[in-house]
Amino acid sequence: MSALTVDPVPGQGQDWDDLVRIWEETDAPEGCKVEIIEEIVTVSPPPSKDHNTAAALLQRRLYTVIPEHWGIYQTLGLSLPGRGGIYIPDLVVVDGASATGPGNTVPAEEARLVVEITSRANANHDRVSKVNGYAKAGVELFLLLDPWHSGRPTATLYGRPESGTYRVLETVEYGRELTLPEPFGLVLDTRVLPVS
């Protein structure tokens, strides 16, 4: 199953509040991910078992290195109004205080680390739109796990956002180690990640 897009009222320029309202009112089946990507409300099917396993394995390792007042979330929305987006990353690390209180999102710039795991149906969102969106929002680190990369699955770590652009800090094929820099200081052995 591929991602479904919900086009807000064709022909009329939508403002941010209209898009957020449409996003909030979209009634998707349980487990589906509803996001706003480049001003389009997008509904993606629930992730595969391998996708969920990769997220769970990484989340378990991250909990061993983060401060106690930080949290790791799998369904927390990140707001990027300047990019016309609300992204729901596969994992996001934020200060726990940011993830409490009213509302469904936190500003993307508050994320310490964002992780996206590509799915066959919407890999280009993660590889292009979200890389650009997270960089423009100033997210410190973005880890892209791409089991659908042509050739061989890869893990790419982006960081040092400057003028809305990331630097590629490291790219490895699955089967090699990738290091998340401080404040994480985590060596990730990608051999443990499932390949779809």
C-alpha atoms as a PDB file:
ATOM      1  CA  MET A   1       0.000   0.000   0.000  1.00  0.00           C
ATOM      2  CA  SER A   2       1.364   3.430  -0.849  1.00  0.00           C
ATOM      3  CA  ALA A   3       0.960   6.811   0.814  1.00  0.00           C
ATOM      4  CA  LEU A   4      -2.279   8.723   0.217  1.00  0.00           C
ATOM      5  CA  THR A   5      -2.307  12.485  -0.150  1.00  0.00           C
ATOM      6  CA  VAL A   6      -5.169  14.719   0.873  1.00  0.00           C
ATOM      7  CA  ASP A   7      -5.175  17.844  -1.249  1.00  0.00           C
ATOM      8  CA  PRO A   8      -6.544  20.809   0.706  1.00  0.00           C
ATOM      9  CA  VAL A   9      -9.216  22.774  -1.206  1.00  0.00           C
ATOM     10  CA  PRO A  10      -7.698  22.936  -4.704  1.00  0.00           C
ATOM     11  CA  GLY A  11      -6.959  26.335  -6.152  1.00  0.00           C
ATOM     12  CA  GLN A  12      -6.968  28.215  -2.881  1.00  0.00           C
ATOM     13  CA  GLY A  13      -3.817  29.126  -0.990  1.00  0.00           C
ATOM     14  CA  GLN A  14      -3.948  27.482   2.389  1.00  0.00           C
ATOM     15  CA  ASP A  15      -2.621  29.175   5.438  1.00  0.00           C
ATOM     16  CA  TRP A  16      -0.896  27.239   8.190  1.00  0.00           C
ATOM     17  CA  ASP A  17      -3.929  27.121  10.498  1.00  0.00           C
ATOM     18  CA  ASP A  18      -6.081  25.592   7.723  1.00  0.00           C
ATOM     19  CA  LEU A  19      -3.499  22.898   7.057  1.00  0.00           C
ATOM     20  CA  VAL A  20      -3.179  22.057  10.744  1.00  0.00           C
ATOM     21  CA  ARG A  21      -6.969  21.829  11.050  1.00  0.00           C
ATOM     22  CA  ILE A  22      -7.144  19.423   8.092  1.00  0.00           C
ATOM     23  CA  TRP A  23      -4.298  17.387   9.621  1.00  0.00           C
ATOM     24  CA  GLU A  24      -6.047  17.220  12.996  1.00  0.00           C
ATOM     25  CA  GLU A  25      -9.372  16.215  11.423  1.00  0.00           C
ATOM     26  CA  THR A  26      -7.995  13.544   9.082  1.00  0.00           C
ATOM     27  CA  ASP A  27      -9.516  10.259  10.212  1.00  0.00           C
ATOM     28  CA  ALA A  28      -6.980   7.621   9.217  1.00  0.00           C
ATOM     29  CA  PRO A  29      -7.080   3.935  10.152  1.00  0.00           C
ATOM     30  CA  GLU A  30      -5.317   3.034  13.383  1.00  0.00           C
ATOM     31  CA  GLY A  31      -1.555   2.755  12.979  1.00  0.00           C
ATOM     32  CA  CYS A  32      -1.390   5.012   9.933  1.00  0.00           C
ATOM     33  CA  LYS A  33       0.823   8.063  10.029  1.00  0.00           C
ATOM     34  CA  VAL A  34      -0.749  11.402   9.108  1.00  0.00           C
ATOM     35  CA  GLU A  35       1.760  14.149   8.299  1.00  0.00           C
ATOM     36  CA  ILE A  36       1.945  17.443   6.465  1.00  0.00           C
ATOM     37  CA  ILE A  37       4.778  17.328   3.958  1.00  0.00           C
ATOM     38  CA  GLU A  38       5.345  20.381   1.773  1.00  0.00           C
ATOM     39  CA  GLU A  39       1.846  21.683   2.543  1.00  0.00           C
ATOM     40  CA  ILE A  40       0.129  18.400   1.624  1.00  0.00           C
ATOM     41  CA  VAL A  41      -1.586  16.214   4.205  1.00  0.00           C
ATOM     42  CA  THR A  42      -0.188  12.713   3.685  1.00  0.00           C
ATOM     43  CA  VAL A  43      -1.463   9.418   5.117  1.00  0.00           C
ATOM     44  CA  SER A  44       0.977   6.500   5.166  1.00  0.00           C
ATOM     45  CA  PRO A  45       0.099   2.897   5.989  1.00  0.00           C
ATOM     46  CA  PRO A  46       1.330   1.326   9.224  1.00  0.00           C
ATOM     47  CA  PRO A  47       5.036   0.456   9.055  1.00  0.00           C
ATOM     48  CA  SER A  48       6.216  -3.094   8.401  1.00  0.00           C
ATOM     49  CA  LYS A  49       7.422  -5.460  11.111  1.00  0.00           C
ATOM     50  CA  ASP A  50      11.060  -4.907  10.042  1.00  0.00           C
ATOM     51  CA  HIS A  51      10.539  -1.140  10.184  1.00  0.00           C
ATOM     52  CA  ASN A  52       9.149  -1.377  13.732  1.00  0.00           C
ATOM     53  CA  THR A  53      11.918  -3.753  14.782  1.00  0.00           C
ATOM     54  CA  ALA A  54      14.610  -1.342  13.546  1.00  0.00           C
ATOM     55  CA  ALA A  55      12.992   1.527  15.493  1.00  0.00           C
ATOM     56  CA  ALA A  56      12.720  -0.570  18.658  1.00  0.00           C
ATOM     57  CA  LEU A  57      16.344  -1.755  18.459  1.00  0.00           C
ATOM     58  CA  LEU A  58      17.639   1.774  17.999  1.00  0.00           C
ATOM     59  CA  GLN A  59      15.382   3.142  20.734  1.00  0.00           C
ATOM     60  CA  ARG A  60      16.695   0.542  23.193  1.00  0.00           C
ATOM     61  CA  ARG A  61      20.302   1.545  22.446  1.00  0.00           C
ATOM     62  CA  LEU A  62      19.574   5.265  22.686  1.00  0.00           C
ATOM     63  CA  TYR A  63      18.079   4.862  26.173  1.00  0.00           C
ATOM     64  CA  THR A  64      21.489   3.661  27.400  1.00  0.00           C
ATOM     65  CA  VAL A  65      23.189   6.972  26.486  1.00  0.00           C
ATOM     66  CA  ILE A  66      20.687   9.810  26.901  1.00  0.00           C
ATOM     67  CA  PRO A  67      20.181  11.881  30.064  1.00  0.00           C
ATOM     68  CA  GLU A  68      17.229  10.819  32.205  1.00  0.00           C
ATOM     69  CA  HIS A  69      15.293  14.042  31.509  1.00  0.00           C
ATOM     70  CA  TRP A  70      15.286  13.361  27.746  1.00  0.00           C
ATOM     71  CA  GLY A  71      12.680  11.177  26.082  1.00  0.00           C
ATOM     72  CA  ILE A  72      12.494   9.095  22.925  1.00  0.00           C
ATOM     73  CA  TYR A  73       9.163   9.188  21.113  1.00  0.00           C
ATOM     74  CA  GLN A  74       7.752   7.248  18.147  1.00  0.00           C
ATOM     75  CA  THR A  75       4.574   9.235  17.491  1.00  0.00           C
ATOM     76  CA  LEU A  76       5.444  12.804  18.494  1.00  0.00           C
ATOM     77  CA  GLY A  77       4.723  15.410  15.822  1.00  0.00           C
ATOM     78  CA  LEU A  78       7.366  17.983  14.938  1.00  0.00           C
ATOM     79  CA  SER A  79       6.056  21.300  13.690  1.00  0.00           C
ATOM     80  CA  LEU A  80       7.832  22.997  10.783  1.00  0.00           C
ATOM     81  CA  PRO A  81       5.446  25.820   9.800  1.00  0.00           C
ATOM     82  CA  GLY A  82       8.112  27.585   7.736  1.00  0.00           C
ATOM     83  CA  ARG A  83       8.365  24.419   5.615  1.00  0.00           C
ATOM     84  CA  GLY A  84       4.624  23.763   5.543  1.00  0.00           C
ATOM     85  CA  GLY A  85       5.046  20.627   7.569  1.00  0.00           C
ATOM     86  CA  ILE A  86       4.213  18.511  10.545  1.00  0.00           C
ATOM     87  CA  TYR A  87       6.458  15.468  10.450  1.00  0.00           C
ATOM     88  CA  ILE A  88       6.079  12.422  12.668  1.00  0.00           C
ATOM     89  CA  PRO A  89       9.520  10.822  12.684  1.00  0.00           C
ATOM     90  CA  ASP A  90      10.052   7.164  13.457  1.00  0.00           C
ATOM     91  CA  LEU A  91      12.046   8.283  16.515  1.00  0.00           C
ATOM     92  CA  VAL A  92      12.703  11.695  17.994  1.00  0.00           C
ATOM     93  CA  VAL A  93      14.786  12.579  21.029  1.00  0.00           C
ATOM     94  CA  VAL A  94      13.713  15.726  22.887  1.00  0.00           C
ATOM     95  CA  ASP A  95      13.911  17.094  26.386  1.00  0.00           C
ATOM     96  CA  GLY A  96      11.016  15.481  28.248  1.00  0.00           C
ATOM     97  CA  ALA A  97       9.645  18.886  29.282  1.00  0.00           C
ATOM     98  CA  SER A  98       9.059  19.718  25.603  1.00  0.00           C
ATOM     99  CA  ALA A  99       6.862  16.648  25.149  1.00  0.00           C
ATOM    100  CA  THR A 100       4.443  17.442  27.970  1.00  0.00           C
ATOM    101  CA  GLY A 101       1.444  19.757  28.059  1.00  0.00           C
ATOM    102  CA  PRO A 102      -1.319  20.542  25.597  1.00  0.00           C
ATOM    103  CA  GLY A 103      -1.115  20.059  21.858  1.00  0.00           C
ATOM    104  CA  ASN A 104       0.124  17.389  19.470  1.00  0.00           C
ATOM    105  CA  THR A 105       3.455  18.800  18.313  1.00  0.00           C
ATOM    106  CA  VAL A 106       6.683  20.399  19.456  1.00  0.00           C
ATOM    107  CA  PRO A 107       8.776  22.797  17.383  1.00  0.00           C
ATOM    108  CA  ALA A 108      11.185  20.735  15.260  1.00  0.00           C
ATOM    109  CA  GLU A 109      14.175  22.801  16.377  1.00  0.00           C
ATOM    110  CA  GLU A 110      13.790  21.342  19.884  1.00  0.00           C
ATOM    111  CA  ALA A 111      14.726  17.863  18.629  1.00  0.00           C
ATOM    112  CA  ARG A 112      18.175  16.616  19.640  1.00  0.00           C
ATOM    113  CA  LEU A 113      17.997  13.729  17.185  1.00  0.00           C
ATOM    114  CA  VAL A 114      15.468  12.679  14.575  1.00  0.00           C
ATOM    115  CA  VAL A 115      15.438   9.208  13.012  1.00  0.00           C
ATOM    116  CA  GLU A 116      13.553   8.301   9.859  1.00  0.00           C
ATOM    117  CA  ILE A 117      13.422   4.757   8.478  1.00  0.00           C
ATOM    118  CA  THR A 118      12.457   4.618   4.836  1.00  0.00           C
ATOM    119  CA  SER A 119       9.526   2.561   3.623  1.00  0.00           C
ATOM    120  CA  ARG A 120       9.219   1.486   0.024  1.00  0.00           C
ATOM    121  CA  ALA A 121       6.050   3.565  -0.487  1.00  0.00           C
ATOM    122  CA  ASN A 122       7.386   6.915   0.702  1.00  0.00           C
ATOM    123  CA  ALA A 123      11.180   6.713   0.771  1.00  0.00           C
ATOM    124  CA  ASN A 124      11.591   9.937  -1.204  1.00  0.00           C
ATOM    125  CA  HIS A 125       9.796  11.934   1.492  1.00  0.00           C
ATOM    126  CA  ASP A 126      12.489  10.832   3.956  1.00  0.00           C
ATOM    127  CA  ARG A 127      15.398  11.173   1.516  1.00  0.00           C
ATOM    128  CA  VAL A 128      14.514  14.610   0.125  1.00  0.00           C
ATOM    129  CA  SER A 129      11.647  16.536   1.721  1.00  0.00           C
ATOM    130  CA  LYS A 130      12.440  15.642   5.315  1.00  0.00           C
ATOM    131  CA  VAL A 131      16.211  16.069   4.967  1.00  0.00           C
ATOM    132  CA  ASN A 132      15.568  19.597   3.701  1.00  0.00           C
ATOM    133  CA  GLY A 133      12.828  20.322   6.251  1.00  0.00           C
ATOM    134  CA  TYR A 134      14.807  19.168   9.271  1.00  0.00           C
ATOM    135  CA  ALA A 135      17.897  21.080   8.118  1.00  0.00           C
ATOM    136  CA  LYS A 136      15.922  24.292   7.616  1.00  0.00           C
ATOM    137  CA  ALA A 137      14.332  23.848  11.054  1.00  0.00           C
ATOM    138  CA  GLY A 138      17.789  23.509  12.623  1.00  0.00           C
ATOM    139  CA  VAL A 139      17.434  19.946  13.938  1.00  0.00           C
ATOM    140  CA  GLU A 140      20.879  19.102  15.325  1.00  0.00           C
ATOM    141  CA  LEU A 141      21.184  15.514  14.072  1.00  0.00           C
ATOM    142  CA  PHE A 142      19.149  13.524  11.557  1.00  0.00           C
ATOM    143  CA  LEU A 143      19.741   9.804  11.098  1.00  0.00           C
ATOM    144  CA  LEU A 144      18.287   8.271   7.938  1.00  0.00           C
ATOM    145  CA  LEU A 145      18.071   4.485   7.966  1.00  0.00           C
ATOM    146  CA  ASP A 146      17.421   3.467   4.374  1.00  0.00           C
ATOM    147  CA  PRO A 147      16.856  -0.267   3.882  1.00  0.00           C
ATOM    148  CA  TRP A 148      15.394   0.583   0.441  1.00  0.00           C
ATOM    149  CA  HIS A 149      18.481   2.429  -0.840  1.00  0.00           C
ATOM    150  CA  SER A 150      19.367   1.273  -4.336  1.00  0.00           C
ATOM    151  CA  GLY A 151      22.199  -1.177  -4.266  1.00  0.00           C
ATOM    152  CA  ARG A 152      22.555  -1.828  -0.547  1.00  0.00           C
ATOM    153  CA  PRO A 153      20.800  -0.549   2.566  1.00  0.00           C
ATOM    154  CA  THR A 154      22.533   2.480   4.100  1.00  0.00           C
ATOM    155  CA  ALA A 155      22.561   4.560   7.256  1.00  0.00           C
ATOM    156  CA  THR A 156      23.330   8.266   6.803  1.00  0.00           C
ATOM    157  CA  LEU A 157      23.911  10.734   9.605  1.00  0.00           C
ATOM    158  CA  TYR A 158      23.284  14.401   8.809  1.00  0.00           C
ATOM    159  CA  GLY A 159      24.302  17.256  11.083  1.00  0.00           C
ATOM    160  CA  ARG A 160      25.655  20.777  11.469  1.00  0.00           C
ATOM    161  CA  PRO A 161      22.698  22.486   9.795  1.00  0.00           C
ATOM    162  CA  GLU A 162      23.778  25.800   8.344  1.00  0.00           C
ATOM    163  CA  SER A 163      21.712  28.096   6.126  1.00  0.00           C
ATOM    164  CA  GLY A 164      19.087  25.364   5.820  1.00  0.00           C
ATOM    165  CA  THR A 165      21.500  22.694   4.622  1.00  0.00           C
ATOM    166  CA  TYR A 166      22.966  19.663   6.368  1.00  0.00           C
ATOM    167  CA  ARG A 167      26.406  18.233   6.086  1.00  0.00           C
ATOM    168  CA  VAL A 168      26.656  14.482   5.666  1.00  0.00           C
ATOM    169  CA  LEU A 169      28.599  13.457   8.762  1.00  0.00           C
ATOM    170  CA  GLU A 170      28.798   9.759   7.917  1.00  0.00           C
ATOM    171  CA  THR A 171      27.264   7.196   5.564  1.00  0.00           C
ATOM    172  CA  VAL A 172      27.712   3.454   5.965  1.00  0.00           C
ATOM    173  CA  GLU A 173      26.225   0.392   4.337  1.00  0.00           C
ATOM    174  CA  TYR A 174      24.284  -1.872   6.675  1.00  0.00           C
ATOM    175  CA  GLY A 175      26.752  -4.244   8.297  1.00  0.00           C
ATOM    176  CA  ARG A 176      29.159  -1.502   9.395  1.00  0.00           C
ATOM    177  CA  GLU A 177      29.278   0.777  12.425  1.00  0.00           C
ATOM    178  CA  LEU A 178      28.082   4.378  12.515  1.00  0.00           C
ATOM    179  CA  THR A 179      28.889   6.745  15.372  1.00  0.00           C
ATOM    180  CA  LEU A 180      26.398   9.228  16.785  1.00  0.00           C
ATOM    181  CA  PRO A 181      28.488  12.096  18.191  1.00  0.00           C
ATOM    182  CA  GLU A 182      28.110  13.651  21.625  1.00  0.00           C
ATOM    183  CA  PRO A 183      25.873  14.213  23.441  1.00  0.00           C
ATOM    184  CA  PHE A 184      25.018  10.626  22.420  1.00  0.00           C
ATOM    185  CA  GLY A 185      28.433   9.042  21.978  1.00  0.00           C
ATOM    186  CA  LEU A 186      26.823   5.880  20.612  1.00  0.00           C
ATOM    187  CA  VAL A 187      28.382   3.443  18.193  1.00  0.00           C
ATOM    188  CA  LEU A 188      25.548   1.877  16.216  1.00  0.00           C
ATOM    189  CA  ASP A 189      26.258  -1.542  14.741  1.00  0.00           C
ATOM    190  CA  THR A 190      23.985  -1.622  11.705  1.00  0.00           C
ATOM    191  CA  ARG A 191      24.340  -5.422  11.443  1.00  0.00           C
ATOM    192  CA  VAL A 192      21.513  -5.703  13.971  1.00  0.00           C
ATOM    193  CA  LEU A 193      19.083  -3.778  11.732  1.00  0.00           C
ATOM    194  CA  PRO A 194      16.662  -5.857   9.679  1.00  0.00           C
ATOM    195  CA  VAL A 195      16.807  -5.519   5.918  1.00  0.00           C
ATOM    196  CA  SER A 196      13.387  -5.508   4.290  1.00  0.00           C
END
